[in-house]
C-alpha cells in the first residue's frame, strides 16, 4: 500500500499528502491502478524484496523501471534491497519462511532510511565503526 501512496501524491488516499519516505517490506510491487508518470513521485521510496518472492525478478525490475521514470525531474530518490534465499513474508517470526538474519537487516535498513529522510542523525555514531577483522592485532602483555 505504501508504494501506491507514494506513486500518486495528488490523488486517491494521498490527495494533498506528500510522504517524506515510505518503505515496503515484502509488499506488492505492481501498482494497483496506473504506474507513476514522469516526476510524479515526490517521496523517498525503499522496497525490500525476497529473491524467491512470488512476484519474481520481473516484478522487481518492473518496479525499478517505474521508479526511474517516477522520480525524474523531482527531488525524490528510490532504492531496492533484495534478500537471497528468502521467500515472501521472510520477516514474520513463527512462519516457515522466517529468516532472522534478513529480517533484522531489513528492519535496521528501514530505520536508517527513515532517520535519513527526517534528517535525524546520531552525532555520536561513527559512520565507519571498527570491526575486529579490520583492526590491527593486539599484543598480549
Protein backbone atom coordinates (compact mmCIF):
# COMPACT_ATOMS: atom_id res chain seq x y z
CA UNK A 1 0.00 0.00 0.00
CA UNK A 2 2.77 2.47 0.85
CA UNK A 3 4.21 2.19 -2.65
CA UNK A 4 0.88 3.25 -4.14
CA UNK A 5 0.57 6.12 -1.64
CA UNK A 6 3.94 7.42 -2.83
CA UNK A 7 3.24 6.78 -6.53
CA UNK A 8 0.40 9.28 -6.81
CA UNK A 9 0.64 12.10 -4.22
CA UNK A 10 -2.11 14.14 -5.85
CA UNK A 11 -4.95 11.62 -5.94
CA UNK A 12 -6.78 8.93 -4.03
CA UNK A 13 -5.73 8.29 -0.44
CA UNK A 14 -2.67 10.51 -0.97
CA UNK A 15 -4.65 13.55 -2.10
CA UNK A 16 -2.97 16.56 -0.53
CA UNK A 17 -0.25 14.48 1.17
CA UNK A 18 3.37 14.04 0.29
CA UNK A 19 5.17 11.49 2.40
CA UNK A 20 8.81 12.16 3.25
CA UNK A 21 9.55 8.47 2.89
CA UNK A 22 7.91 5.09 2.54
CA UNK A 23 9.41 1.64 2.95
CA UNK A 24 7.82 -1.57 1.73
CA UNK A 25 8.86 -4.92 3.18
CA UNK A 26 7.57 -7.87 1.14
CA UNK A 27 4.83 -5.70 -0.31
CA UNK A 28 3.01 -5.76 -3.60
CA UNK A 29 5.32 -4.25 -6.20
CA UNK A 30 2.83 -3.66 -9.01
CA UNK A 31 0.66 -0.56 -9.00
CA UNK A 32 -2.99 -1.13 -8.13
CA UNK A 33 -4.09 1.34 -10.78
CA UNK A 34 -1.56 3.04 -13.03
CA UNK A 35 2.21 3.37 -12.79
CA UNK A 36 3.72 6.72 -11.83
CA UNK A 37 4.27 9.23 -14.54
CA UNK A 38 7.46 11.24 -15.02
CA UNK A 39 8.23 13.35 -11.95
CA UNK A 40 5.06 12.29 -10.13
CA UNK A 41 6.88 10.66 -7.19
CA UNK A 42 7.86 13.18 -4.53
CA UNK A 43 8.76 10.78 -1.69
CA UNK A 44 11.82 8.72 -0.90
CA UNK A 45 11.00 5.10 -1.61
CA UNK A 46 12.61 1.95 -0.28
CA UNK A 47 11.48 -1.55 -1.27
CA UNK A 48 12.71 -4.80 0.28
CA UNK A 49 12.28 -7.87 -1.94
CA UNK A 50 12.89 -11.57 -1.44
CA UNK A 51 14.75 -13.46 -4.15
CA UNK A 52 12.16 -16.27 -4.07
CA UNK A 53 9.12 -13.97 -3.82
CA UNK A 54 6.15 -14.96 -5.97
CA UNK A 55 6.48 -11.63 -7.85
CA UNK A 56 9.93 -12.73 -9.03
CA UNK A 57 12.78 -10.79 -10.55
CA UNK A 58 10.46 -9.46 -13.25
CA UNK A 59 8.25 -7.78 -10.63
CA UNK A 60 11.24 -6.08 -9.04
CA UNK A 61 12.64 -5.00 -12.43
CA UNK A 62 9.26 -3.52 -13.38
CA UNK A 63 9.11 -1.56 -10.11
CA UNK A 64 12.66 -0.24 -10.62
CA UNK A 65 11.84 0.86 -14.18
CA UNK A 66 8.77 2.68 -12.90
CA UNK A 67 10.76 4.36 -10.10
CA UNK A 68 13.34 5.65 -12.58
CA UNK A 69 10.58 7.40 -14.52
CA UNK A 70 8.59 8.49 -11.46
CA UNK A 71 11.47 10.36 -9.80
CA UNK A 72 12.69 12.03 -12.99
CA UNK A 73 12.79 15.82 -12.52
CA UNK A 74 11.88 15.56 -8.82
CA UNK A 75 13.95 15.50 -5.64
CA UNK A 76 12.70 12.01 -4.80
CA UNK A 77 15.02 9.00 -4.62
CA UNK A 78 14.42 5.25 -4.51
CA UNK A 79 16.28 2.12 -3.54
CA UNK A 80 15.59 -1.58 -3.62
CA UNK A 81 17.20 -4.26 -1.48
CA UNK A 82 17.00 -7.90 -2.47
CA UNK A 83 17.43 -10.76 0.02
CA UNK A 84 18.86 -14.01 -1.30
CA UNK A 85 17.26 -17.35 -0.47
CA UNK A 86 14.24 -15.63 1.10
CA UNK A 87 10.58 -16.10 0.31
CA UNK A 88 7.69 -13.65 0.53
CA UNK A 89 6.98 -12.99 4.22
CA UNK A 90 10.52 -13.68 5.44
CA UNK A 91 10.25 -11.13 8.28
CA UNK A 92 7.33 -12.84 10.03
CA UNK A 93 8.60 -14.80 13.08
CA UNK A 94 6.98 -18.18 13.62
CA UNK A 95 6.34 -18.81 9.93
CA UNK A 96 8.19 -21.49 7.93
CA UNK A 97 9.78 -18.83 5.69
CA UNK A 98 11.12 -16.64 8.52
CA UNK A 99 14.76 -15.62 8.04
CA UNK A 100 16.08 -13.87 11.16
CA UNK A 101 19.25 -12.51 9.58
CA UNK A 102 17.42 -10.93 6.66
CA UNK A 103 14.57 -9.70 8.88
CA UNK A 104 16.99 -7.85 11.17
CA UNK A 105 18.82 -6.41 8.17
CA UNK A 106 15.55 -5.19 6.63
CA UNK A 107 14.39 -3.55 9.84
CA UNK A 108 17.74 -1.84 10.50
CA UNK A 109 17.88 -0.60 6.92
CA UNK A 110 14.34 0.75 7.16
CA UNK A 111 15.08 2.53 10.44
CA UNK A 112 18.19 4.17 8.95
CA UNK A 113 16.27 5.10 5.79
CA UNK A 114 13.61 6.93 7.82
CA UNK A 115 16.19 8.64 10.03
CA UNK A 116 17.95 9.97 6.95
CA UNK A 117 14.67 11.12 5.37
CA UNK A 118 13.75 13.00 8.55
CA UNK A 119 17.22 14.49 8.94
CA UNK A 120 17.84 12.66 12.21
CA UNK A 121 21.45 11.80 12.76
CA UNK A 122 23.27 10.49 15.79
CA UNK A 123 26.25 12.84 16.24
CA UNK A 124 27.98 10.18 18.34
CA UNK A 125 27.65 7.47 15.70
CA UNK A 126 30.82 6.54 13.87
CA UNK A 127 29.98 6.14 10.17
CA UNK A 128 32.80 3.60 9.92
CA UNK A 129 32.78 1.70 13.21
CA UNK A 130 35.77 -0.52 13.87
CA UNK A 131 35.22 -4.21 13.39
CA UNK A 132 37.58 -6.86 14.78
CA UNK A 133 38.67 -8.20 11.38
CA UNK A 134 39.76 -4.71 10.31
CA UNK A 135 41.80 -3.87 13.40
CA UNK A 136 45.47 -4.50 13.94
CA UNK A 137 46.10 -7.45 16.23
CA UNK A 138 46.78 -6.56 19.83
CA UNK A 139 49.81 -7.83 21.66
CA UNK A 140 49.18 -9.64 24.92
CA UNK A 141 51.15 -8.20 27.84
